C-alpha atoms as a PDB file:
ATOM      1  CA  MET A   1       0.275   0.352  -0.241  1.00  0.00           C
ATOM      2  CA  GLY A   2       0.959   3.337  -0.419  1.00  0.00           C
ATOM      3  CA  LEU A   3       1.491   6.495   1.607  1.00  0.00           C
ATOM      4  CA  ILE A   4       0.517   9.073  -1.697  1.00  0.00           C
ATOM      5  CA  GLN A   5      -1.690   8.867  -4.096  1.00  0.00           C
ATOM      6  CA  TRP A   6      -0.250   8.957  -7.857  1.00  0.00           C
ATOM      7  CA  ALA A   7      -1.559  10.496 -11.282  1.00  0.00           C
ATOM      8  CA  THR A   8       0.352  10.985 -14.622  1.00  0.00           C
ATOM      9  CA  SER A   9       0.303  14.566 -15.749  1.00  0.00           C
ATOM     10  CA  PRO A  10      -1.010  15.407 -19.386  1.00  0.00           C
ATOM     11  CA  TRP A  11       2.889  15.425 -19.958  1.00  0.00           C
ATOM     12  CA  GLY A  12       2.995  11.923 -18.957  1.00  0.00           C
ATOM     13  CA  ARG A  13       5.335  12.764 -15.139  1.00  0.00           C
ATOM     14  CA  GLN A  14       4.610  11.039 -12.404  1.00  0.00           C
ATOM     15  CA  VAL A  15       3.073  13.522 -10.054  1.00  0.00           C
ATOM     16  CA  PRO A  16       1.784  13.520  -5.875  1.00  0.00           C
ATOM     17  CA  VAL A  17      -2.520  14.011  -6.366  1.00  0.00           C
ATOM     18  CA  HIS A  18      -2.544  13.647  -2.534  1.00  0.00           C
ATOM     19  CA  ILE A  19      -2.343  11.108   0.647  1.00  0.00           C
ATOM     20  CA  ALA A  20      -3.376   7.768   0.795  1.00  0.00           C
ATOM     21  CA  PHE A  21      -6.930   7.714   2.499  1.00  0.00           C
ATOM     22  CA  ALA A  22      -5.506   4.834   4.689  1.00  0.00           C
ATOM     23  CA  LEU A  23      -3.622   7.147   6.988  1.00  0.00           C
ATOM     24  CA  LEU A  24      -6.521   8.930   8.370  1.00  0.00           C
ATOM     25  CA  TRP A  25      -6.841   5.088   9.950  1.00  0.00           C
ATOM     26  CA  VAL A  26      -3.270   5.213  10.870  1.00  0.00           C
ATOM     27  CA  SER A  27      -3.612   7.908  12.689  1.00  0.00           C
ATOM     28  CA  ALA A  28      -6.440   7.308  14.309  1.00  0.00           C
ATOM     29  CA  ILE A  29      -5.937   3.788  15.445  1.00  0.00           C
ATOM     30  CA  GLY A  30      -2.205   5.068  16.524  1.00  0.00           C
ATOM     31  CA  GLY A  31      -4.566   7.589  19.131  1.00  0.00           C
ATOM     32  CA  LEU A  32      -6.839   5.371  20.271  1.00  0.00           C
ATOM     33  CA  LEU A  33      -4.751   2.862  20.882  1.00  0.00           C
ATOM     34  CA  PHE A  34      -1.622   5.421  22.825  1.00  0.00           C
ATOM     35  CA  LEU A  35      -5.430   6.672  24.730  1.00  0.00           C
ATOM     36  CA  ILE A  36      -5.339   1.924  25.724  1.00  0.00           C
ATOM     37  CA  VAL A  37      -1.843   1.633  25.998  1.00  0.00           C
ATOM     38  CA  HIS A  38      -1.727   5.024  28.412  1.00  0.00           C
ATOM     39  CA  ALA A  39      -4.311   4.209  30.571  1.00  0.00           C
ATOM     40  CA  ILE A  40      -2.974   0.938  31.488  1.00  0.00           C
ATOM     41  CA  TYR A  41      -0.329   2.482  32.751  1.00  0.00           C
ATOM     42  CA  VAL A  42      -1.630   5.019  34.857  1.00  0.00           C
ATOM     43  CA  SER A  43      -3.329   1.922  36.487  1.00  0.00           C
ATOM     44  CA  TYR A  44      -1.099  -0.275  36.862  1.00  0.00           C
ATOM     45  CA  TRP A  45       2.513   0.929  37.911  1.00  0.00           C
ATOM     46  CA  ALA A  46       2.344   4.490  37.501  1.00  0.00           C
ATOM     47  CA  LYS A  47       2.969   6.670  40.799  1.00  0.00           C
ATOM     48  CA  SER A  48      -0.692   8.631  41.892  1.00  0.00           C
ATOM     49  CA  ALA A  49      -0.579  12.411  41.616  1.00  0.00           C
ATOM     50  CA  LYS A  50       0.281  12.709  45.581  1.00  0.00           C
ATOM     51  CA  ALA A  51       2.469  10.028  45.889  1.00  0.00           C
ATOM     52  CA  HIS A  52       4.993  12.333  43.632  1.00  0.00           C
ATOM     53  CA  VAL A  53       3.500  16.052  45.403  1.00  0.00           C
ATOM     54  CA  GLY A  54       5.285  13.963  48.295  1.00  0.00           C
ATOM     55  CA  GLU A  55       8.299  13.645  47.369  1.00  0.00           C
ATOM     56  CA  ALA A  56       8.614  17.352  46.581  1.00  0.00           C
ATOM     57  CA  ALA A  57      10.350  20.402  47.945  1.00  0.00           C
ATOM     58  CA  SER A  58       7.055  21.297  50.060  1.00  0.00           C
ATOM     59  CA  VAL A  59       6.040  25.808  50.128  1.00  0.00           C
ATOM     60  CA  SER A  60       6.578  27.383  53.027  1.00  0.00           C
ATOM     61  CA  PRO A  61       3.533  28.522  55.039  1.00  0.00           C
ATOM     62  CA  ALA A  62       4.771  32.608  53.844  1.00  0.00           C
ATOM     63  CA  ILE A  63       4.403  32.300  50.609  1.00  0.00           C
ATOM     64  CA  ALA A  64       0.787  29.523  50.714  1.00  0.00           C
ATOM     65  CA  ALA A  65       0.099  32.591  52.646  1.00  0.00           C
ATOM     66  CA  ARG A  66       0.234  35.330  49.654  1.00  0.00           C
ATOM     67  CA  VAL A  67      -1.576  32.607  46.908  1.00  0.00           C
ATOM     68  CA  PRO A  68      -4.942  34.124  46.109  1.00  0.00           C
ATOM     69  CA  GLU A  69      -8.246  31.669  47.145  1.00  0.00           C
ATOM     70  CA  ARG A  70      -8.547  31.108  43.193  1.00  0.00           C
ATOM     71  CA  VAL A  71      -5.633  32.212  40.786  1.00  0.00           C
ATOM     72  CA  ALA A  72      -5.945  33.062  37.161  1.00  0.00           C
ATOM     73  CA  ARG A  73      -4.277  30.667  34.794  1.00  0.00           C
ATOM     74  CA  HIS A  74      -6.156  31.624  31.280  1.00  0.00           C
ATOM     75  CA  SER A  75      -7.363  35.183  30.391  1.00  0.00           C
ATOM     76  CA  LEU A  76     -11.058  36.228  29.089  1.00  0.00           C
ATOM     77  CA  GLY A  77      -8.992  36.458  25.052  1.00  0.00           C
ATOM     78  CA  ALA A  78      -6.558  32.833  25.722  1.00  0.00           C
ATOM     79  CA  ARG A  79     -10.045  31.001  26.906  1.00  0.00           C
ATOM     80  CA  LEU A  80     -11.704  32.433  23.584  1.00  0.00           C
ATOM     81  CA  PHE A  81      -8.787  32.190  21.062  1.00  0.00           C
ATOM     82  CA  HIS A  82      -8.923  28.214  22.335  1.00  0.00           C
ATOM     83  CA  TRP A  83     -12.827  27.077  21.877  1.00  0.00           C
ATOM     84  CA  VAL A  84     -12.635  29.133  18.816  1.00  0.00           C
ATOM     85  CA  MET A  85      -9.616  27.625  17.547  1.00  0.00           C
ATOM     86  CA  SER A  86     -11.626  24.402  18.847  1.00  0.00           C
ATOM     87  CA  VAL A  87     -14.875  24.258  16.966  1.00  0.00           C
ATOM     88  CA  ALA A  88     -12.543  25.493  13.568  1.00  0.00           C
ATOM     89  CA  MET A  89     -10.884  22.595  13.822  1.00  0.00           C
ATOM     90  CA  PHE A  90     -13.603  20.567  13.729  1.00  0.00           C
ATOM     91  CA  ALA A  91     -15.123  21.644  11.442  1.00  0.00           C
ATOM     92  CA  LEU A  92     -11.999  21.510   9.397  1.00  0.00           C
ATOM     93  CA  LEU A  93     -11.868  17.398  10.646  1.00  0.00           C
ATOM     94  CA  LEU A  94     -15.356  17.118   9.842  1.00  0.00           C
ATOM     95  CA  THR A  95     -15.860  18.693   6.175  1.00  0.00           C
ATOM     96  CA  ALA A  96     -12.289  17.161   4.662  1.00  0.00           C
ATOM     97  CA  PHE A  97     -12.935  13.336   5.643  1.00  0.00           C
ATOM     98  CA  LEU A  98     -16.918  12.717   6.117  1.00  0.00           C
ATOM     99  CA  PRO A  99     -17.475  13.227   2.025  1.00  0.00           C
ATOM    100  CA  LYS A 100     -14.368  10.524   1.712  1.00  0.00           C
ATOM    101  CA  LEU A 101     -17.007   8.449   3.859  1.00  0.00           C
ATOM    102  CA  GLY A 102     -19.364   8.930   1.327  1.00  0.00           C
ATOM    103  CA  VAL A 103     -21.331  11.979   3.410  1.00  0.00           C
ATOM    104  CA  LYS A 104     -21.810  14.413   0.441  1.00  0.00           C
ATOM    105  CA  PHE A 105     -23.227  17.897   1.049  1.00  0.00           C
ATOM    106  CA  ALA A 106     -21.047  20.985  -0.236  1.00  0.00           C
ATOM    107  CA  TRP A 107     -17.681  20.992   2.189  1.00  0.00           C
ATOM    108  CA  VAL A 108     -15.911  22.592  -0.635  1.00  0.00           C
ATOM    109  CA  THR A 109     -17.420  25.674   1.123  1.00  0.00           C
ATOM    110  CA  TYR A 110     -17.482  24.504   4.552  1.00  0.00           C
ATOM    111  CA  HIS A 111     -13.608  23.888   4.604  1.00  0.00           C
ATOM    112  CA  TRP A 112     -12.746  27.043   3.769  1.00  0.00           C
ATOM    113  CA  ILE A 113     -14.456  29.118   5.576  1.00  0.00           C
ATOM    114  CA  ALA A 114     -13.545  27.164   8.564  1.00  0.00           C
ATOM    115  CA  GLY A 115     -10.544  27.290   7.325  1.00  0.00           C
ATOM    116  CA  VAL A 116     -10.361  31.842   7.418  1.00  0.00           C
ATOM    117  CA  VAL A 117     -11.698  30.844  10.665  1.00  0.00           C
ATOM    118  CA  LEU A 118      -8.707  29.184  12.164  1.00  0.00           C
ATOM    119  CA  THR A 119      -6.405  31.266   9.917  1.00  0.00           C
ATOM    120  CA  VAL A 120      -7.598  34.507  11.561  1.00  0.00           C
ATOM    121  CA  ALA A 121      -8.369  32.391  15.005  1.00  0.00           C
ATOM    122  CA  VAL A 122      -4.076  31.839  14.768  1.00  0.00           C
ATOM    123  CA  ILE A 123      -2.852  35.454  13.756  1.00  0.00           C
ATOM    124  CA  TYR A 124      -4.662  36.899  16.831  1.00  0.00           C
ATOM    125  CA  HIS A 125      -3.335  34.673  19.522  1.00  0.00           C
ATOM    126  CA  LEU A 126       0.832  35.478  17.713  1.00  0.00           C
ATOM    127  CA  PHE A 127       0.089  38.241  18.496  1.00  0.00           C
ATOM    128  CA  HIS A 128      -1.591  37.745  21.892  1.00  0.00           C
ATOM    129  CA  ALA A 129       0.587  36.127  22.868  1.00  0.00           C
ATOM    130  CA  THR A 130       3.614  37.491  22.309  1.00  0.00           C
ATOM    131  CA  PHE A 131       2.333  41.021  23.742  1.00  0.00           C
ATOM    132  CA  TRP A 132      -0.178  40.194  26.627  1.00  0.00           C
ATOM    133  CA  LEU A 133       0.742  36.813  27.751  1.00  0.00           C
ATOM    134  CA  ASP A 134       3.953  35.518  29.038  1.00  0.00           C
ATOM    135  CA  PHE A 135       5.073  34.247  25.267  1.00  0.00           C
ATOM    136  CA  TRP A 136       7.898  31.611  26.584  1.00  0.00           C
ATOM    137  CA  SER A 137       6.356  30.033  29.541  1.00  0.00           C
ATOM    138  CA  ILE A 138       4.521  27.830  27.114  1.00  0.00           C
ATOM    139  CA  TRP A 139       8.061  26.660  25.661  1.00  0.00           C
ATOM    140  CA  PRO A 140      10.706  23.769  27.059  1.00  0.00           C
ATOM    141  CA  ASP A 141      13.563  25.044  29.717  1.00  0.00           C
ATOM    142  CA  ARG A 142      16.135  23.332  30.680  1.00  0.00           C
ATOM    143  CA  GLN A 143      14.476  22.380  34.064  1.00  0.00           C
ATOM    144  CA  ASP A 144      11.971  20.982  32.134  1.00  0.00           C
ATOM    145  CA  ILE A 145      14.641  18.948  30.823  1.00  0.00           C
ATOM    146  CA  GLU A 146      16.236  18.144  33.967  1.00  0.00           C
ATOM    147  CA  ASP A 147      12.746  17.156  35.840  1.00  0.00           C
ATOM    148  CA  ALA A 148      11.770  15.558  31.925  1.00  0.00           C
ATOM    149  CA  GLU A 149      15.382  12.603  32.870  1.00  0.00           C
ATOM    150  CA  ARG A 150      15.288  12.008  36.585  1.00  0.00           C
ATOM    151  CA  ARG A 151      11.249  11.036  35.458  1.00  0.00           C
ATOM    152  CA  VAL A 152      13.168   8.246  33.373  1.00  0.00           C
ATOM    153  CA  ARG A 153      15.399   7.154  34.736  1.00  0.00           C
ATOM    154  CA  ARG A 154      13.537   6.799  38.199  1.00  0.00           C
ATOM    155  CA  ALA A 155      10.582   5.008  36.328  1.00  0.00           C
ATOM    156  CA  MET A 156      13.547   2.742  35.264  1.00  0.00           C
ATOM    157  CA  GLY A 157      14.081   1.912  38.390  1.00  0.00           C
ATOM    158  CA  GLN A 158      17.699   3.862  38.312  1.00  0.00           C
ATOM    159  CA  ALA A 159      18.312   6.545  41.906  1.00  0.00           C
ATOM    160  CA  ALA A 160      17.650   9.864  40.650  1.00  0.00           C
ATOM    161  CA  PRO A 161      16.637  12.997  42.513  1.00  0.00           C
ATOM    162  CA  ALA A 162      12.145  14.242  42.869  1.00  0.00           C
ATOM    163  CA  PRO A 163      11.613  15.512  40.259  1.00  0.00           C
ATOM    164  CA  ARG A 164      10.299  19.041  40.682  1.00  0.00           C
ATOM    165  CA  LYS A 165       6.714  20.366  40.600  1.00  0.00           C
ATOM    166  CA  PHE A 166       5.722  21.654  37.183  1.00  0.00           C
ATOM    167  CA  ALA A 167       6.000  25.590  36.209  1.00  0.00           C
ATOM    168  CA  LYS A 168       2.597  26.965  34.582  1.00  0.00           C
ATOM    169  CA  TYR A 169       2.409  24.237  31.449  1.00  0.00           C
ATOM    170  CA  PRO A 170       3.549  20.560  32.493  1.00  0.00           C
ATOM    171  CA  LEU A 171       5.972  19.647  30.383  1.00  0.00           C
ATOM    172  CA  GLU A 172       4.383  16.993  27.712  1.00  0.00           C
ATOM    173  CA  ASN A 173       1.496  20.545  27.121  1.00  0.00           C
ATOM    174  CA  LYS A 174       4.801  22.096  25.973  1.00  0.00           C
ATOM    175  CA  LEU A 175       6.068  19.292  23.740  1.00  0.00           C
ATOM    176  CA  TYR A 176       1.429  19.155  22.867  1.00  0.00           C
ATOM    177  CA  HIS A 177       2.024  23.040  21.969  1.00  0.00           C
ATOM    178  CA  LEU A 178       5.095  22.489  19.725  1.00  0.00           C
ATOM    179  CA  ALA A 179       3.376  19.568  17.760  1.00  0.00           C
ATOM    180  CA  ILE A 180      -0.350  21.611  17.507  1.00  0.00           C
ATOM    181  CA  LEU A 181       2.342  25.244  16.192  1.00  0.00           C
ATOM    182  CA  PHE A 182       3.830  22.402  13.370  1.00  0.00           C
ATOM    183  CA  ALA A 183       0.988  20.379  12.589  1.00  0.00           C
ATOM    184  CA  GLY A 184      -1.130  23.268  12.261  1.00  0.00           C
ATOM    185  CA  LEU A 185       0.887  26.353  10.886  1.00  0.00           C
ATOM    186  CA  SER A 186       1.212  23.352   7.753  1.00  0.00           C
ATOM    187  CA  VAL A 187      -2.126  23.338   7.340  1.00  0.00           C
ATOM    188  CA  ILE A 188      -3.193  26.973   7.685  1.00  0.00           C
ATOM    189  CA  GLY A 189       0.132  27.717   4.641  1.00  0.00           C
ATOM    190  CA  THR A 190      -0.875  25.226   2.695  1.00  0.00           C
ATOM    191  CA  GLY A 191      -4.717  25.828   3.071  1.00  0.00           C
ATOM    192  CA  ILE A 192      -4.086  28.601   1.979  1.00  0.00           C
ATOM    193  CA  LEU A 193      -2.157  28.393  -1.326  1.00  0.00           C
ATOM    194  CA  MET A 194      -5.152  26.253  -1.968  1.00  0.00           C
ATOM    195  CA  MET A 195      -8.278  28.962  -2.002  1.00  0.00           C
ATOM    196  CA  SER A 196      -6.680  30.052  -4.841  1.00  0.00           C
ATOM    197  CA  ARG A 197      -8.481  26.821  -6.618  1.00  0.00           C
ATOM    198  CA  VAL A 198     -11.399  27.763  -5.239  1.00  0.00           C
ATOM    199  CA  ASP A 199     -14.322  30.439  -5.792  1.00  0.00           C
ATOM    200  CA  THR A 200     -14.475  32.363  -2.507  1.00  0.00           C
ATOM    201  CA  PRO A 201     -16.017  35.940  -2.301  1.00  0.00           C
ATOM    202  CA  PHE A 202     -12.303  37.091  -1.802  1.00  0.00           C
ATOM    203  CA  PHE A 203     -11.009  36.099  -4.820  1.00  0.00           C
ATOM    204  CA  PRO A 204     -12.480  34.152  -8.390  1.00  0.00           C
ATOM    205  CA  ARG A 205     -10.374  31.309  -8.873  1.00  0.00           C
ATOM    206  CA  ASN A 206      -7.113  30.894 -10.240  1.00  0.00           C
ATOM    207  CA  PRO A 207      -5.203  27.832 -10.169  1.00  0.00           C
ATOM    208  CA  TYR A 208      -2.133  30.085 -11.954  1.00  0.00           C
ATOM    209  CA  LEU A 209      -1.475  32.399  -9.293  1.00  0.00           C
ATOM    210  CA  PHE A 210       1.810  31.451  -7.630  1.00  0.00           C
ATOM    211  CA  GLY A 211       2.902  29.789 -10.379  1.00  0.00           C
ATOM    212  CA  PHE A 212       3.236  26.542  -9.014  1.00  0.00           C
ATOM    213  CA  GLY A 213       3.152  23.403 -11.402  1.00  0.00           C
ATOM    214  CA  ASP A 214       2.024  20.537 -11.114  1.00  0.00           C
ATOM    215  CA  MET A 215       4.281  19.194  -9.130  1.00  0.00           C
ATOM    216  CA  THR A 216       4.152  21.425  -6.551  1.00  0.00           C
ATOM    217  CA  TRP A 217       0.939  21.444  -5.607  1.00  0.00           C
ATOM    218  CA  GLY A 218       1.216  17.999  -5.816  1.00  0.00           C
ATOM    219  CA  TRP A 219       3.306  18.536  -2.232  1.00  0.00           C
ATOM    220  CA  THR A 220       0.986  21.046  -1.085  1.00  0.00           C
ATOM    221  CA  TYR A 221      -2.010  18.616  -1.441  1.00  0.00           C
ATOM    222  CA  VAL A 222       0.359  15.922   0.123  1.00  0.00           C
ATOM    223  CA  LEU A 223       1.729  18.285   3.075  1.00  0.00           C
ATOM    224  CA  HIS A 224      -1.732  20.003   3.313  1.00  0.00           C
ATOM    225  CA  GLY A 225      -3.332  15.857   4.602  1.00  0.00           C
ATOM    226  CA  LEU A 226      -0.123  14.884   6.467  1.00  0.00           C
ATOM    227  CA  ALA A 227      -0.892  17.719   8.332  1.00  0.00           C
ATOM    228  CA  GLY A 228      -4.710  16.883   8.477  1.00  0.00           C
ATOM    229  CA  VAL A 229      -4.204  12.992  10.468  1.00  0.00           C
ATOM    230  CA  ALA A 230      -1.739  14.574  12.601  1.00  0.00           C
ATOM    231  CA  LEU A 231      -4.378  16.727  13.309  1.00  0.00           C
ATOM    232  CA  VAL A 232      -6.610  13.439  14.134  1.00  0.00           C
ATOM    233  CA  GLY A 233      -4.456  11.933  16.279  1.00  0.00           C
ATOM    234  CA  LEU A 234      -3.824  14.824  18.042  1.00  0.00           C
ATOM    235  CA  ILE A 235      -7.072  16.275  18.834  1.00  0.00           C
ATOM    236  CA  THR A 236      -7.355  12.126  20.166  1.00  0.00           C
ATOM    237  CA  VAL A 237      -4.949  12.226  22.563  1.00  0.00           C
ATOM    238  CA  HIS A 238      -6.088  16.454  24.202  1.00  0.00           C
ATOM    239  CA  VAL A 239      -9.234  14.985  23.974  1.00  0.00           C
ATOM    240  CA  TYR A 240      -8.553  12.345  25.967  1.00  0.00           C
ATOM    241  CA  PHE A 241      -6.172  14.151  28.976  1.00  0.00           C
ATOM    242  CA  ALA A 242      -8.844  16.155  28.806  1.00  0.00           C
ATOM    243  CA  ILE A 243     -11.128  14.074  30.029  1.00  0.00           C
ATOM    244  CA  ARG A 244      -9.328  12.325  32.423  1.00  0.00           C
ATOM    245  CA  PRO A 245     -10.143  12.572  35.696  1.00  0.00           C
ATOM    246  CA  GLU A 246      -6.432  13.960  37.356  1.00  0.00           C
ATOM    247  CA  LYS A 247      -6.266  16.621  34.703  1.00  0.00           C
ATOM    248  CA  LEU A 248     -10.282  18.103  34.999  1.00  0.00           C
ATOM    249  CA  PHE A 249      -8.941  21.058  36.957  1.00  0.00           C
ATOM    250  CA  ILE A 250      -7.157  22.137  33.916  1.00  0.00           C
ATOM    251  CA  THR A 251      -9.714  21.828  31.924  1.00  0.00           C
ATOM    252  CA  LYS A 252     -12.385  23.540  34.297  1.00  0.00           C
ATOM    253  CA  SER A 253      -9.255  26.365  34.010  1.00  0.00           C
ATOM    254  CA  MET A 254      -9.574  26.605  30.302  1.00  0.00           C
ATOM    255  CA  ILE A 255     -13.805  27.249  31.106  1.00  0.00           C
ATOM    256  CA  PHE A 256     -13.400  29.753  34.337  1.00  0.00           C
ATOM    257  CA  GLY A 257      -9.901  31.040  33.881  1.00  0.00           C
ATOM    258  CA  TRP A 258      -8.632  30.229  36.688  1.00  0.00           C
ATOM    259  CA  ILE A 259      -7.535  27.378  39.389  1.00  0.00           C
ATOM    260  CA  THR A 260      -7.977  26.579  43.635  1.00  0.00           C
ATOM    261  CA  ARG A 261      -5.158  27.845  45.933  1.00  0.00           C
ATOM    262  CA  GLU A 262      -4.617  24.483  45.980  1.00  0.00           C
ATOM    263  CA  GLN A 263      -4.392  22.555  42.956  1.00  0.00           C
ATOM    264  CA  TYR A 264      -2.218  25.547  42.612  1.00  0.00           C
ATOM    265  CA  LEU A 265       0.323  24.492  45.602  1.00  0.00           C
ATOM    266  CA  GLU A 266      -0.231  20.686  44.162  1.00  0.00           C
ATOM    267  CA  HIS A 267       0.751  20.681  41.179  1.00  0.00           C
ATOM    268  CA  HIS A 268       2.826  24.397  40.405  1.00  0.00           C
ATOM    269  CA  ASP A 269       5.939  25.490  42.164  1.00  0.00           C
ATOM    270  CA  PRO A 270       5.370  28.824  42.401  1.00  0.00           C
ATOM    271  CA  GLN A 271       9.638  30.212  41.966  1.00  0.00           C
ATOM    272  CA  ARG A 272       8.488  29.303  39.229  1.00  0.00           C
ATOM    273  CA  TRP A 273       4.944  30.582  38.178  1.00  0.00           C
ATOM    274  CA  PRO A 274       4.111  33.229  41.164  1.00  0.00           C
ATOM    275  CA  ALA A 275       0.646  33.344  41.302  1.00  0.00           C
ATOM    276  CA  GLY A 276      -1.003  36.302  39.760  1.00  0.00           C
ATOM    277  CA  GLU A 277      -3.175  38.289  40.620  1.00  0.00           C
ATOM    278  CA  GLU A 278      -7.398  36.685  41.706  1.00  0.00           C
ATOM    279  CA  PRO A 279      -9.725  37.112  38.416  1.00  0.00           C
ATOM    280  CA  PRO A 280     -11.748  39.743  37.211  1.00  0.00           C
ATOM    281  CA  GLU A 281     -15.008  40.540  39.348  1.00  0.00           C
ATOM    282  CA  THR A 282     -17.168  38.448  36.722  1.00  0.00           C
ATOM    283  CA  THR A 283     -15.744  35.269  37.916  1.00  0.00           C
ATOM    284  CA  ARG A 284     -16.090  36.057  41.232  1.00  0.00           C
ATOM    285  CA  PRO A 285     -17.972  39.183  42.542  1.00  0.00           C
ATOM    286  CA  LYS A 286     -16.494  40.428  45.900  1.00  0.00           C
ATOM    287  CA  SER A 287     -19.353  41.752  48.376  1.00  0.00           C
ATOM    288  CA  LYS A 288     -20.319  45.450  49.016  1.00  0.00           C
ATOM    289  CA  GLU A 289     -19.317  47.302  51.567  1.00  0.00           C
ATOM    290  CA  VAL A 290     -21.436  47.850  54.771  1.00  0.00           C
ATOM    291  CA  PRO A 291     -20.911  51.540  54.914  1.00  0.00           C
ATOM    292  CA  ALA A 292     -19.728  52.728  58.423  1.00  0.00           C
END
């Protein structure tokens, strides 16, 4: 079975036209196998989060006393971006793969609209994260790598210091962000090029706009398809972790914007992620003061 579909151009050349549809099932089944293996590992071999916390350095009472009852984790802008991006990605995947399964509808229009929404959302996120948020908090750093080495050594039965608590984002979140970054930018970049081949309100169809030959267009479609099937597996894993009991507090913070003081102190290192101010008044109304 070939991984790429090929066709013969009018000039007799073999050119790629798309990925093999079977790769969709490879990505989906691979994601499901990961879920099963991870669930078994967590159930029978992995230490509980509380066990790891007990080995890590405790927080001094003075620092704990300064932590607010609710620790702001995600701003309203970050939460809106996340959910808009989620809807756009699901719409893109459904409109891309349902027709392959025999579901007939005007998928091209819905597909490019979802692609435009995703593109605008990502552009907004780049500016928001760069100028208003802590840009480097989502990127792996030296302490993440050191702690990952400690966890691997301890998992293999070797002596190693206890890993430290996480900063705002655990290493697995940061690595997932990198994977989504590459897959998302690949699907957006190739999708923008491919929009020249369909009629939209922005410009009429013009397949010769960029001057690409058959071979270049073919590899553009292949990269777009590879990024799409990669997103199937990545989103499957993301949804799985979002509904795991020990991760639900993170999922709730993407809805309400905050985590509790207890959750902050249990999972995060105040030195690596200092607790900010409490969420805005819209999430937690202040009691009215009674005049003397």
